Amino acid sequence: MKSLFDKTVSLCALLAGGLVALICAVTFYEVVARYLFNAPTTWSLDISIYAMFWACFLGGAYTLREGGHVAVDVIVRRLGEARQRRITMAVYGLVTLFFAVVSWRGAVACLEAYEFGELTMSVMRFPLYLPLLAIPVGGTLLTAQSLVTAVAAWRGQRIDSA
């Protein structure tokens, strides 16, 4: 089960990287269209914003797994191993709770946007549920990854960020 989850998190990180590459390509196209051909696009900013939104949520669990989020651990590193483990468990327990709430509220907002047929206020007028869907998808992955990290700390496995 953990292997399947790890593969899912890694796949989402690859998708996030692909979205960042798409953002670079779209931005490059916009610059060329605007400054070389004097023909700016109306869609490039919308695509870039929504792709970045999805990339951030899809890449969050991978970043958490790899210890890439910012952590202020100056004091924690000076404590004994048992206290470090308890603090790490508490931190990731709170992170799990936080992202569970974010995921739940994001899912509610996404469903409401779908039910009411809401559109984005951008030029392209996407259905609002499409960008909002990133919140429950990425939030659920972050919830699960923070729970996995909390359990690893409870078992005494080394965690590089807390």
C-alpha atoms as a PDB file:
ATOM      1  CA  MET A   1       0.000   0.000   0.000  1.00  0.00           C
ATOM      2  CA  LYS A   2       2.750   2.466   0.922  1.00  0.00           C
ATOM      3  CA  SER A   3       4.535   1.680  -2.321  1.00  0.00           C
ATOM      4  CA  LEU A   4       1.402   2.544  -4.317  1.00  0.00           C
ATOM      5  CA  PHE A   5       1.051   5.777  -2.367  1.00  0.00           C
ATOM      6  CA  ASP A   6       4.725   6.649  -2.928  1.00  0.00           C
ATOM      7  CA  LYS A   7       4.285   6.019  -6.649  1.00  0.00           C
ATOM      8  CA  THR A   8       1.187   8.222  -6.697  1.00  0.00           C
ATOM      9  CA  VAL A   9       3.032  11.042  -4.918  1.00  0.00           C
ATOM     10  CA  SER A  10       5.963  10.704  -7.332  1.00  0.00           C
ATOM     11  CA  LEU A  11       3.631  10.718 -10.340  1.00  0.00           C
ATOM     12  CA  CYS A  12       1.920  13.853  -9.047  1.00  0.00           C
ATOM     13  CA  ALA A  13       5.339  15.487  -8.641  1.00  0.00           C
ATOM     14  CA  LEU A  14       6.123  14.645 -12.260  1.00  0.00           C
ATOM     15  CA  LEU A  15       2.789  16.123 -13.317  1.00  0.00           C
ATOM     16  CA  ALA A  16       3.589  19.241 -11.301  1.00  0.00           C
ATOM     17  CA  GLY A  17       6.940  19.509 -13.048  1.00  0.00           C
ATOM     18  CA  GLY A  18       5.215  19.100 -16.406  1.00  0.00           C
ATOM     19  CA  LEU A  19       2.811  21.898 -15.503  1.00  0.00           C
ATOM     20  CA  VAL A  20       5.724  24.169 -14.609  1.00  0.00           C
ATOM     21  CA  ALA A  21       7.286  23.359 -17.993  1.00  0.00           C
ATOM     22  CA  LEU A  22       3.936  24.201 -19.626  1.00  0.00           C
ATOM     23  CA  ILE A  23       3.901  27.533 -17.783  1.00  0.00           C
ATOM     24  CA  CYS A  24       7.395  28.291 -19.106  1.00  0.00           C
ATOM     25  CA  ALA A  25       6.362  27.417 -22.657  1.00  0.00           C
ATOM     26  CA  VAL A  26       3.150  29.461 -22.476  1.00  0.00           C
ATOM     27  CA  THR A  27       5.017  32.450 -21.023  1.00  0.00           C
ATOM     28  CA  PHE A  28       7.706  32.197 -23.710  1.00  0.00           C
ATOM     29  CA  TYR A  29       5.009  32.050 -26.396  1.00  0.00           C
ATOM     30  CA  GLU A  30       3.300  35.108 -24.898  1.00  0.00           C
ATOM     31  CA  VAL A  31       6.538  37.110 -24.893  1.00  0.00           C
ATOM     32  CA  VAL A  32       7.275  36.187 -28.520  1.00  0.00           C
ATOM     33  CA  ALA A  33       3.705  36.882 -29.629  1.00  0.00           C
ATOM     34  CA  ARG A  34       3.558  40.192 -27.791  1.00  0.00           C
ATOM     35  CA  TYR A  35       6.965  41.688 -28.530  1.00  0.00           C
ATOM     36  CA  LEU A  36       7.933  40.179 -31.876  1.00  0.00           C
ATOM     37  CA  PHE A  37       4.552  40.035 -33.582  1.00  0.00           C
ATOM     38  CA  ASN A  38       2.620  42.656 -31.581  1.00  0.00           C
ATOM     39  CA  ALA A  39      -0.145  40.080 -31.091  1.00  0.00           C
ATOM     40  CA  PRO A  40      -0.585  39.354 -27.372  1.00  0.00           C
ATOM     41  CA  THR A  41      -2.705  36.394 -26.350  1.00  0.00           C
ATOM     42  CA  THR A  42      -5.795  36.573 -24.171  1.00  0.00           C
ATOM     43  CA  TRP A  43      -5.380  33.104 -22.675  1.00  0.00           C
ATOM     44  CA  SER A  44      -1.736  32.784 -21.556  1.00  0.00           C
ATOM     45  CA  LEU A  45      -2.153  34.367 -18.130  1.00  0.00           C
ATOM     46  CA  ASP A  46      -5.191  32.221 -17.307  1.00  0.00           C
ATOM     47  CA  ILE A  47      -3.420  29.014 -18.321  1.00  0.00           C
ATOM     48  CA  SER A  48      -0.328  29.992 -16.325  1.00  0.00           C
ATOM     49  CA  ILE A  49      -2.281  30.849 -13.173  1.00  0.00           C
ATOM     50  CA  TYR A  50      -4.370  27.688 -13.120  1.00  0.00           C
ATOM     51  CA  ALA A  51      -1.433  25.474 -14.063  1.00  0.00           C
ATOM     52  CA  MET A  52       0.617  26.980 -11.206  1.00  0.00           C
ATOM     53  CA  PHE A  53      -2.265  26.428  -8.806  1.00  0.00           C
ATOM     54  CA  TRP A  54      -2.435  22.743  -9.784  1.00  0.00           C
ATOM     55  CA  ALA A  55       1.367  22.376  -9.744  1.00  0.00           C
ATOM     56  CA  CYS A  56       1.598  23.703  -6.183  1.00  0.00           C
ATOM     57  CA  PHE A  57      -1.066  21.347  -4.862  1.00  0.00           C
ATOM     58  CA  LEU A  58       0.174  18.319  -6.805  1.00  0.00           C
ATOM     59  CA  GLY A  59       3.799  18.846  -5.767  1.00  0.00           C
ATOM     60  CA  GLY A  60       3.113  19.538  -2.098  1.00  0.00           C
ATOM     61  CA  ALA A  61       3.044  15.925  -0.892  1.00  0.00           C
ATOM     62  CA  TYR A  62       6.281  15.083  -2.697  1.00  0.00           C
ATOM     63  CA  THR A  63       7.953  18.162  -1.207  1.00  0.00           C
ATOM     64  CA  LEU A  64       6.740  17.120   2.244  1.00  0.00           C
ATOM     65  CA  ARG A  65       7.990  13.564   1.745  1.00  0.00           C
ATOM     66  CA  GLU A  66      11.429  14.815   0.687  1.00  0.00           C
ATOM     67  CA  GLY A  67      11.681  17.324   3.552  1.00  0.00           C
ATOM     68  CA  GLY A  68      11.608  20.295   1.201  1.00  0.00           C
ATOM     69  CA  HIS A  69       9.194  22.529   3.111  1.00  0.00           C
ATOM     70  CA  VAL A  70      10.615  25.291   5.273  1.00  0.00           C
ATOM     71  CA  ALA A  71      11.197  24.212   8.859  1.00  0.00           C
ATOM     72  CA  VAL A  72      12.537  26.265  11.751  1.00  0.00           C
ATOM     73  CA  ASP A  73      14.284  23.653  13.834  1.00  0.00           C
ATOM     74  CA  VAL A  74      17.076  25.538  15.594  1.00  0.00           C
ATOM     75  CA  ILE A  75      15.719  24.689  19.035  1.00  0.00           C
ATOM     76  CA  VAL A  76      14.327  21.242  18.201  1.00  0.00           C
ATOM     77  CA  ARG A  77      17.704  19.990  16.940  1.00  0.00           C
ATOM     78  CA  ARG A  78      19.249  20.774  20.335  1.00  0.00           C
ATOM     79  CA  LEU A  79      16.773  18.570  22.189  1.00  0.00           C
ATOM     80  CA  GLY A  80      17.166  14.902  22.926  1.00  0.00           C
ATOM     81  CA  GLU A  81      16.035  12.318  20.395  1.00  0.00           C
ATOM     82  CA  ALA A  82      12.890  11.353  22.320  1.00  0.00           C
ATOM     83  CA  ARG A  83      11.722  14.973  22.556  1.00  0.00           C
ATOM     84  CA  GLN A  84      12.531  15.568  18.888  1.00  0.00           C
ATOM     85  CA  ARG A  85      10.379  12.577  17.988  1.00  0.00           C
ATOM     86  CA  ARG A  86       7.443  13.776  20.126  1.00  0.00           C
ATOM     87  CA  ILE A  87       7.625  17.274  18.636  1.00  0.00           C
ATOM     88  CA  THR A  88       7.823  15.841  15.120  1.00  0.00           C
ATOM     89  CA  MET A  89       4.774  13.656  15.803  1.00  0.00           C
ATOM     90  CA  ALA A  90       2.865  16.651  17.187  1.00  0.00           C
ATOM     91  CA  VAL A  91       3.825  18.907  14.265  1.00  0.00           C
ATOM     92  CA  TYR A  92       2.857  16.373  11.614  1.00  0.00           C
ATOM     93  CA  GLY A  93      -0.292  15.500  13.546  1.00  0.00           C
ATOM     94  CA  LEU A  94      -1.323  19.162  13.367  1.00  0.00           C
ATOM     95  CA  VAL A  95      -0.323  19.327   9.701  1.00  0.00           C
ATOM     96  CA  THR A  96      -2.478  16.240   9.056  1.00  0.00           C
ATOM     97  CA  LEU A  97      -5.439  17.854  10.804  1.00  0.00           C
ATOM     98  CA  PHE A  98      -4.935  21.140   8.952  1.00  0.00           C
ATOM     99  CA  PHE A  99      -4.813  19.547   5.505  1.00  0.00           C
ATOM    100  CA  ALA A 100      -7.747  17.289   6.298  1.00  0.00           C
ATOM    101  CA  VAL A 101      -9.818  20.413   6.966  1.00  0.00           C
ATOM    102  CA  VAL A 102      -8.421  22.155   3.865  1.00  0.00           C
ATOM    103  CA  SER A 103      -9.246  19.090   1.738  1.00  0.00           C
ATOM    104  CA  TRP A 104     -12.757  18.816   3.130  1.00  0.00           C
ATOM    105  CA  ARG A 105     -13.539  22.517   2.683  1.00  0.00           C
ATOM    106  CA  GLY A 106     -11.953  22.468  -0.775  1.00  0.00           C
ATOM    107  CA  ALA A 107     -14.140  19.521  -1.765  1.00  0.00           C
ATOM    108  CA  VAL A 108     -17.245  21.344  -0.528  1.00  0.00           C
ATOM    109  CA  ALA A 109     -16.313  24.485  -2.489  1.00  0.00           C
ATOM    110  CA  CYS A 110     -15.554  22.405  -5.582  1.00  0.00           C
ATOM    111  CA  LEU A 111     -18.899  20.587  -5.407  1.00  0.00           C
ATOM    112  CA  GLU A 112     -20.794  23.847  -4.884  1.00  0.00           C
ATOM    113  CA  ALA A 113     -19.044  25.449  -7.863  1.00  0.00           C
ATOM    114  CA  TYR A 114     -19.970  22.427  -9.965  1.00  0.00           C
ATOM    115  CA  GLU A 115     -23.599  22.346  -8.801  1.00  0.00           C
ATOM    116  CA  PHE A 116     -24.144  26.049  -9.424  1.00  0.00           C
ATOM    117  CA  GLY A 117     -22.236  26.075 -12.719  1.00  0.00           C
ATOM    118  CA  GLU A 118     -19.905  28.832 -11.545  1.00  0.00           C
ATOM    119  CA  LEU A 119     -17.271  30.171 -13.930  1.00  0.00           C
ATOM    120  CA  THR A 120     -13.913  31.771 -13.212  1.00  0.00           C
ATOM    121  CA  MET A 121     -13.697  35.526 -13.489  1.00  0.00           C
ATOM    122  CA  SER A 122     -10.809  35.234 -15.912  1.00  0.00           C
ATOM    123  CA  VAL A 123     -10.912  35.967 -19.625  1.00  0.00           C
ATOM    124  CA  MET A 124     -11.338  32.306 -20.593  1.00  0.00           C
ATOM    125  CA  ARG A 125     -14.255  31.658 -18.200  1.00  0.00           C
ATOM    126  CA  PHE A 126     -13.307  28.132 -17.104  1.00  0.00           C
ATOM    127  CA  PRO A 127     -15.755  26.172 -14.980  1.00  0.00           C
ATOM    128  CA  LEU A 128     -14.632  27.149 -11.464  1.00  0.00           C
ATOM    129  CA  TYR A 129     -14.641  23.575 -10.191  1.00  0.00           C
ATOM    130  CA  LEU A 130     -11.660  22.695 -12.433  1.00  0.00           C
ATOM    131  CA  PRO A 131      -9.099  24.857 -10.623  1.00  0.00           C
ATOM    132  CA  LEU A 132     -10.814  24.254  -7.260  1.00  0.00           C
ATOM    133  CA  LEU A 133     -10.443  20.497  -7.737  1.00  0.00           C
ATOM    134  CA  ALA A 134      -6.719  20.935  -7.068  1.00  0.00           C
ATOM    135  CA  ILE A 135      -7.486  21.693  -3.409  1.00  0.00           C
ATOM    136  CA  PRO A 136      -9.126  18.379  -2.423  1.00  0.00           C
ATOM    137  CA  VAL A 137      -6.807  16.343  -4.674  1.00  0.00           C
ATOM    138  CA  GLY A 138      -3.559  17.921  -3.468  1.00  0.00           C
ATOM    139  CA  GLY A 139      -4.858  18.426   0.055  1.00  0.00           C
ATOM    140  CA  THR A 140      -5.752  14.754   0.380  1.00  0.00           C
ATOM    141  CA  LEU A 141      -2.265  13.790  -0.779  1.00  0.00           C
ATOM    142  CA  LEU A 142      -0.747  16.220   1.730  1.00  0.00           C
ATOM    143  CA  THR A 143      -3.002  14.848   4.490  1.00  0.00           C
ATOM    144  CA  ALA A 144      -1.932  11.284   3.750  1.00  0.00           C
ATOM    145  CA  GLN A 145       1.764  12.191   3.427  1.00  0.00           C
ATOM    146  CA  SER A 146       1.787  14.112   6.706  1.00  0.00           C
ATOM    147  CA  LEU A 147       0.083  11.156   8.401  1.00  0.00           C
ATOM    148  CA  VAL A 148       2.709   8.798   6.961  1.00  0.00           C
ATOM    149  CA  THR A 149       5.417  11.144   8.262  1.00  0.00           C
ATOM    150  CA  ALA A 150       3.822  11.332  11.728  1.00  0.00           C
ATOM    151  CA  VAL A 151       3.620   7.528  11.897  1.00  0.00           C
ATOM    152  CA  ALA A 152       7.259   7.258  10.791  1.00  0.00           C
ATOM    153  CA  ALA A 153       8.250   9.596  13.627  1.00  0.00           C
ATOM    154  CA  TRP A 154       6.183   7.537  16.075  1.00  0.00           C
ATOM    155  CA  ARG A 155       8.063   4.431  14.949  1.00  0.00           C
ATOM    156  CA  GLY A 156      11.338   6.201  15.542  1.00  0.00           C
ATOM    157  CA  GLN A 157      12.341   6.528  11.891  1.00  0.00           C
ATOM    158  CA  ARG A 158      14.513   9.494  11.006  1.00  0.00           C
ATOM    159  CA  ILE A 159      12.616  12.523   9.683  1.00  0.00           C
ATOM    160  CA  ASP A 160      14.719  15.344   8.245  1.00  0.00           C
ATOM    161  CA  SER A 161      12.141  18.088   8.623  1.00  0.00           C
ATOM    162  CA  ALA A 162       9.862  19.014  11.491  1.00  0.00           C
END
